[in-house]
């Protein structure tokens, strides 16, 4: 198993990068941010507009789905159907085993 990317040195509080052998000093609780994350944070936030959100349709659908337990998104419906099929298969398997055991016991 490989160790963590940033290995703390317990003696002097510095952190050494194993590949680059570069030492950086961090105060306790400080988080190392990658260069990619720094570049990403400097970009302007994308501007988007949703007419469904503006008129409240998304919120309405969300509230209906939450109160009724019936999902309104395609992925939510697929998830719910998949879960139901999985439960059905388990119940059918258990019933099949019980019926088989009863038939075997009866024919003894």
N, C-alpha and C. Protein backbone atom coordinates (compact mmCIF):
# COMPACT_ATOMS: atom_id res chain seq x y z
N UNK A 1 0.84 -1.18 0.00
CA UNK A 1 0.00 0.00 0.00
C UNK A 1 0.88 1.24 0.00
N UNK A 2 0.51 2.20 -0.83
CA UNK A 2 1.30 3.43 -0.92
C UNK A 2 0.85 4.39 0.17
N UNK A 3 1.77 5.17 0.63
CA UNK A 3 1.46 6.14 1.67
C UNK A 3 0.77 7.37 1.10
N UNK A 4 0.46 8.34 1.94
CA UNK A 4 -0.20 9.55 1.46
C UNK A 4 0.74 10.35 0.58
N UNK A 5 0.14 11.18 -0.27
CA UNK A 5 0.93 11.98 -1.20
C UNK A 5 1.82 12.96 -0.45
N UNK A 6 1.27 13.59 0.58
CA UNK A 6 2.05 14.53 1.38
C UNK A 6 2.36 13.88 2.71
N UNK A 7 3.63 13.58 2.94
CA UNK A 7 4.05 12.87 4.15
C UNK A 7 4.51 13.85 5.22
N UNK A 8 3.80 13.95 6.34
CA UNK A 8 4.24 14.88 7.38
C UNK A 8 5.48 14.34 8.09
N UNK A 9 6.39 15.23 8.40
CA UNK A 9 7.58 14.88 9.17
C UNK A 9 7.28 15.24 10.62
N UNK A 10 7.20 14.26 11.50
CA UNK A 10 6.79 14.54 12.88
C UNK A 10 7.79 15.38 13.66
N UNK A 11 9.03 15.48 13.21
CA UNK A 11 10.04 16.18 14.00
C UNK A 11 9.99 17.69 13.82
N UNK A 12 9.89 18.18 12.58
CA UNK A 12 9.98 19.64 12.40
C UNK A 12 8.72 20.26 11.80
N UNK A 13 7.65 19.49 11.58
CA UNK A 13 6.39 20.07 11.11
C UNK A 13 6.37 20.40 9.64
N UNK A 14 7.36 19.95 8.87
CA UNK A 14 7.35 20.20 7.43
C UNK A 14 6.71 19.02 6.71
N UNK A 15 6.32 19.24 5.47
CA UNK A 15 5.72 18.18 4.67
C UNK A 15 6.58 17.98 3.44
N UNK A 16 6.88 16.73 3.15
CA UNK A 16 7.77 16.42 2.03
C UNK A 16 6.98 15.69 0.94
N UNK A 17 7.09 16.17 -0.30
CA UNK A 17 6.47 15.51 -1.43
C UNK A 17 7.39 14.37 -1.84
N UNK A 18 6.92 13.10 -1.85
CA UNK A 18 7.81 11.98 -2.08
C UNK A 18 8.45 11.95 -3.47
N UNK A 19 7.75 12.44 -4.49
CA UNK A 19 8.30 12.38 -5.85
C UNK A 19 9.30 13.51 -6.10
N UNK A 20 8.99 14.69 -5.64
CA UNK A 20 9.81 15.86 -5.95
C UNK A 20 10.84 16.16 -4.86
N UNK A 21 10.69 15.51 -3.73
CA UNK A 21 11.60 15.77 -2.60
C UNK A 21 11.68 17.26 -2.28
N UNK A 22 10.53 17.88 -2.30
CA UNK A 22 10.44 19.31 -2.01
C UNK A 22 9.79 19.46 -0.65
N UNK A 23 10.34 20.30 0.17
CA UNK A 23 9.78 20.49 1.50
C UNK A 23 9.04 21.82 1.58
N UNK A 24 7.87 21.77 2.20
CA UNK A 24 7.08 22.98 2.41
C UNK A 24 6.64 22.97 3.87
N UNK A 25 6.58 24.13 4.45
CA UNK A 25 6.16 24.24 5.84
C UNK A 25 4.68 24.61 5.89
N UNK A 26 3.92 23.83 6.65
CA UNK A 26 2.49 24.08 6.81
C UNK A 26 2.19 24.20 8.29
N UNK A 27 1.27 25.09 8.60
CA UNK A 27 0.81 25.19 9.98
C UNK A 27 -0.25 24.12 10.18
N UNK A 28 -0.47 23.67 11.41
CA UNK A 28 -1.49 22.65 11.65
C UNK A 28 -2.86 23.10 11.15
N UNK A 29 -3.55 22.22 10.43
CA UNK A 29 -4.87 22.53 9.90
C UNK A 29 -4.85 23.17 8.53
N UNK A 30 -3.69 23.52 8.02
CA UNK A 30 -3.61 24.14 6.71
C UNK A 30 -3.78 23.07 5.63
N UNK A 31 -4.46 23.41 4.54
CA UNK A 31 -4.76 22.45 3.49
C UNK A 31 -3.94 22.78 2.26
N UNK A 32 -3.37 21.76 1.62
CA UNK A 32 -2.59 21.94 0.40
C UNK A 32 -3.56 21.99 -0.77
N UNK A 33 -3.46 23.04 -1.59
CA UNK A 33 -4.33 23.22 -2.75
C UNK A 33 -3.49 23.00 -4.00
N UNK A 34 -4.00 22.18 -4.92
CA UNK A 34 -3.25 21.90 -6.14
C UNK A 34 -3.27 23.11 -7.06
N UNK A 35 -2.32 23.14 -7.99
CA UNK A 35 -2.27 24.25 -8.94
C UNK A 35 -3.50 24.28 -9.83
N UNK A 36 -4.02 23.11 -10.18
CA UNK A 36 -5.23 23.06 -11.01
C UNK A 36 -6.40 23.70 -10.27
N UNK A 37 -6.52 23.43 -8.97
CA UNK A 37 -7.59 24.04 -8.19
C UNK A 37 -7.41 25.55 -8.09
N UNK A 38 -6.16 26.01 -7.99
CA UNK A 38 -5.91 27.45 -7.94
C UNK A 38 -6.35 28.11 -9.25
N UNK A 39 -6.01 27.49 -10.39
CA UNK A 39 -6.41 28.05 -11.69
C UNK A 39 -7.93 28.04 -11.83
N UNK A 40 -8.56 26.95 -11.38
CA UNK A 40 -10.00 26.83 -11.50
C UNK A 40 -10.71 27.90 -10.67
N UNK A 41 -10.15 28.22 -9.50
CA UNK A 41 -10.81 29.20 -8.64
C UNK A 41 -10.68 30.62 -9.18
N UNK A 42 -9.70 30.88 -10.04
CA UNK A 42 -9.52 32.22 -10.60
C UNK A 42 -10.46 32.50 -11.77
N UNK A 43 -11.03 31.45 -12.37
CA UNK A 43 -11.95 31.64 -13.49
C UNK A 43 -13.25 32.27 -13.01
N UNK A 44 -13.88 33.00 -13.94
CA UNK A 44 -15.18 33.58 -13.61
C UNK A 44 -16.23 32.47 -13.59
N UNK A 45 -17.19 32.62 -12.71
CA UNK A 45 -18.25 31.62 -12.61
C UNK A 45 -19.10 31.66 -13.88
N UNK A 46 -19.48 30.51 -14.41
CA UNK A 46 -20.31 30.50 -15.61
C UNK A 46 -21.69 31.05 -15.29
N UNK A 47 -22.22 31.82 -16.20
CA UNK A 47 -23.53 32.42 -16.01
C UNK A 47 -24.55 31.54 -16.72
N UNK A 48 -25.56 31.10 -16.00
CA UNK A 48 -26.58 30.26 -16.60
C UNK A 48 -27.94 30.74 -16.12
N UNK A 49 -28.93 30.52 -16.96
CA UNK A 49 -30.28 30.91 -16.62
C UNK A 49 -31.20 29.75 -16.93
N UNK A 50 -32.10 29.43 -16.02
CA UNK A 50 -33.06 28.36 -16.23
C UNK A 50 -34.46 28.93 -16.03
N UNK A 51 -35.25 28.89 -17.08
CA UNK A 51 -36.62 29.40 -16.95
C UNK A 51 -37.44 28.51 -16.03
N UNK A 52 -37.11 27.21 -15.96
CA UNK A 52 -37.85 26.32 -15.06
C UNK A 52 -37.61 26.71 -13.61
N UNK A 53 -36.35 27.07 -13.29
CA UNK A 53 -36.07 27.52 -11.92
C UNK A 53 -36.71 28.88 -11.66
N UNK A 54 -36.70 29.75 -12.68
CA UNK A 54 -37.23 31.10 -12.52
C UNK A 54 -38.72 31.09 -12.18
N UNK A 55 -39.50 30.17 -12.79
CA UNK A 55 -40.94 30.15 -12.51
C UNK A 55 -41.29 29.19 -11.37
N UNK A 56 -40.28 28.49 -10.83
CA UNK A 56 -40.51 27.63 -9.68
C UNK A 56 -40.88 26.20 -10.01
N UNK A 57 -40.74 25.79 -11.26
CA UNK A 57 -41.13 24.45 -11.66
C UNK A 57 -40.22 23.38 -11.02
N UNK A 58 -38.93 23.66 -10.97
CA UNK A 58 -37.98 22.69 -10.39
C UNK A 58 -38.28 22.47 -8.91
N UNK A 59 -38.54 23.53 -8.20
CA UNK A 59 -38.86 23.41 -6.77
C UNK A 59 -40.16 22.66 -6.54
N UNK A 60 -41.15 22.92 -7.39
CA UNK A 60 -42.43 22.23 -7.28
C UNK A 60 -42.27 20.73 -7.49
N UNK A 61 -41.52 20.37 -8.54
CA UNK A 61 -41.28 18.95 -8.81
C UNK A 61 -40.55 18.30 -7.65
N UNK A 62 -39.58 19.00 -7.09
CA UNK A 62 -38.82 18.47 -5.97
C UNK A 62 -39.71 18.24 -4.75
N UNK A 63 -40.57 19.20 -4.46
CA UNK A 63 -41.47 19.07 -3.31
C UNK A 63 -42.46 17.92 -3.51
N UNK A 64 -43.00 17.79 -4.72
CA UNK A 64 -43.94 16.71 -5.01
C UNK A 64 -43.25 15.36 -4.84
N UNK A 65 -42.04 15.25 -5.39
CA UNK A 65 -41.31 13.99 -5.29
C UNK A 65 -41.00 13.65 -3.83
N UNK A 66 -40.66 14.66 -3.06
CA UNK A 66 -40.31 14.43 -1.65
C UNK A 66 -41.53 13.99 -0.85
N UNK A 67 -42.68 14.65 -1.08
CA UNK A 67 -43.88 14.34 -0.29
C UNK A 67 -44.52 13.02 -0.70
N UNK A 68 -44.53 12.70 -2.00
CA UNK A 68 -45.21 11.48 -2.45
C UNK A 68 -44.30 10.27 -2.47
N UNK A 69 -42.98 10.50 -2.53
CA UNK A 69 -42.06 9.37 -2.64
C UNK A 69 -41.92 8.86 -4.05
N UNK A 70 -42.54 9.57 -5.02
CA UNK A 70 -42.47 9.19 -6.43
C UNK A 70 -41.50 10.14 -7.12
N UNK A 71 -40.38 9.63 -7.62
CA UNK A 71 -39.39 10.51 -8.26
C UNK A 71 -39.92 11.09 -9.57
N UNK A 72 -39.46 12.31 -9.88
CA UNK A 72 -39.90 12.96 -11.11
C UNK A 72 -38.78 13.05 -12.15
N UNK A 73 -37.62 12.54 -11.83
CA UNK A 73 -36.52 12.55 -12.79
C UNK A 73 -36.35 11.15 -13.37
N UNK A 74 -35.77 11.07 -14.55
CA UNK A 74 -35.56 9.78 -15.21
C UNK A 74 -34.65 8.90 -14.37
N UNK A 75 -33.55 9.48 -13.87
CA UNK A 75 -32.63 8.68 -13.07
C UNK A 75 -33.27 8.21 -11.77
N UNK A 76 -34.11 9.05 -11.18
CA UNK A 76 -34.80 8.66 -9.94
C UNK A 76 -35.78 7.53 -10.17
N UNK A 77 -36.50 7.59 -11.29
CA UNK A 77 -37.45 6.52 -11.63
C UNK A 77 -36.69 5.22 -11.88
N UNK A 78 -35.58 5.30 -12.63
CA UNK A 78 -34.78 4.11 -12.91
C UNK A 78 -34.24 3.49 -11.62
N UNK A 79 -33.80 4.35 -10.70
CA UNK A 79 -33.28 3.87 -9.43
C UNK A 79 -34.37 3.16 -8.63
N UNK A 80 -35.57 3.76 -8.59
CA UNK A 80 -36.66 3.18 -7.82
C UNK A 80 -37.12 1.85 -8.42
N UNK A 81 -37.23 1.79 -9.75
CA UNK A 81 -37.63 0.54 -10.41
C UNK A 81 -36.57 -0.54 -10.19
N UNK A 82 -35.30 -0.17 -10.31
CA UNK A 82 -34.22 -1.14 -10.10
C UNK A 82 -34.23 -1.70 -8.69
N UNK A 83 -34.50 -0.84 -7.72
CA UNK A 83 -34.55 -1.28 -6.33
C UNK A 83 -35.72 -2.23 -6.14
N UNK A 84 -36.87 -1.92 -6.75
CA UNK A 84 -38.05 -2.78 -6.62
C UNK A 84 -37.81 -4.14 -7.26
N UNK A 85 -37.15 -4.15 -8.43
CA UNK A 85 -36.85 -5.42 -9.09
C UNK A 85 -35.90 -6.24 -8.23
N UNK A 86 -34.92 -5.60 -7.63
CA UNK A 86 -33.99 -6.31 -6.77
C UNK A 86 -34.69 -6.95 -5.59
N UNK A 87 -35.63 -6.23 -4.97
CA UNK A 87 -36.39 -6.79 -3.85
C UNK A 87 -37.27 -7.94 -4.32
N UNK A 88 -37.87 -7.78 -5.51
CA UNK A 88 -38.73 -8.84 -6.04
C UNK A 88 -37.94 -10.12 -6.29
N UNK A 89 -36.74 -9.98 -6.85
CA UNK A 89 -35.90 -11.14 -7.12
C UNK A 89 -35.54 -11.85 -5.81
N UNK A 90 -35.22 -11.10 -4.78
CA UNK A 90 -34.88 -11.69 -3.49
C UNK A 90 -36.08 -12.44 -2.91
N UNK A 91 -37.25 -11.83 -2.93
CA UNK A 91 -38.45 -12.48 -2.39
C UNK A 91 -38.79 -13.72 -3.22
N UNK A 92 -38.70 -13.63 -4.55
CA UNK A 92 -38.99 -14.78 -5.40
C UNK A 92 -38.02 -15.92 -5.12
N UNK A 93 -36.74 -15.60 -4.89
CA UNK A 93 -35.75 -16.63 -4.59
C UNK A 93 -36.08 -17.34 -3.28
N UNK A 94 -36.40 -16.57 -2.25
CA UNK A 94 -36.73 -17.15 -0.95
C UNK A 94 -37.97 -18.02 -1.06
N UNK A 95 -39.01 -17.54 -1.77
CA UNK A 95 -40.22 -18.34 -1.93
C UNK A 95 -39.93 -19.60 -2.73
N UNK A 96 -39.10 -19.51 -3.74
CA UNK A 96 -38.73 -20.69 -4.53
C UNK A 96 -38.03 -21.73 -3.69
N UNK A 97 -37.13 -21.30 -2.83
CA UNK A 97 -36.44 -22.24 -1.94
C UNK A 97 -37.43 -22.88 -0.98
N UNK A 98 -38.34 -22.09 -0.42
CA UNK A 98 -39.32 -22.65 0.51
C UNK A 98 -40.24 -23.66 -0.18
N UNK A 99 -40.71 -23.33 -1.38
CA UNK A 99 -41.59 -24.25 -2.11
C UNK A 99 -40.84 -25.53 -2.45
N UNK A 100 -39.59 -25.40 -2.86
CA UNK A 100 -38.78 -26.58 -3.18
C UNK A 100 -38.60 -27.46 -1.95
N UNK A 101 -38.31 -26.85 -0.82
CA UNK A 101 -38.16 -27.62 0.42
C UNK A 101 -39.46 -28.32 0.82
N UNK A 102 -40.59 -27.62 0.65
CA UNK A 102 -41.88 -28.23 0.98
C UNK A 102 -42.18 -29.40 0.06
N UNK A 103 -41.90 -29.25 -1.24
CA UNK A 103 -42.15 -30.35 -2.18
C UNK A 103 -41.24 -31.54 -1.90
N UNK A 104 -39.99 -31.29 -1.59
CA UNK A 104 -39.06 -32.37 -1.27
C UNK A 104 -39.51 -33.06 0.01
N UNK A 105 -39.95 -32.34 1.00
CA UNK A 105 -40.38 -32.91 2.27
C UNK A 105 -41.65 -33.74 2.07
N UNK A 106 -42.57 -33.25 1.20
CA UNK A 106 -43.82 -33.94 0.94
C UNK A 106 -43.57 -35.28 0.23
N UNK A 107 -42.61 -35.34 -0.67
CA UNK A 107 -42.36 -36.55 -1.46
C UNK A 107 -41.50 -37.55 -0.72
N UNK A 108 -41.07 -37.28 0.46
CA UNK A 108 -40.25 -38.24 1.24
C UNK A 108 -41.04 -39.39 1.72
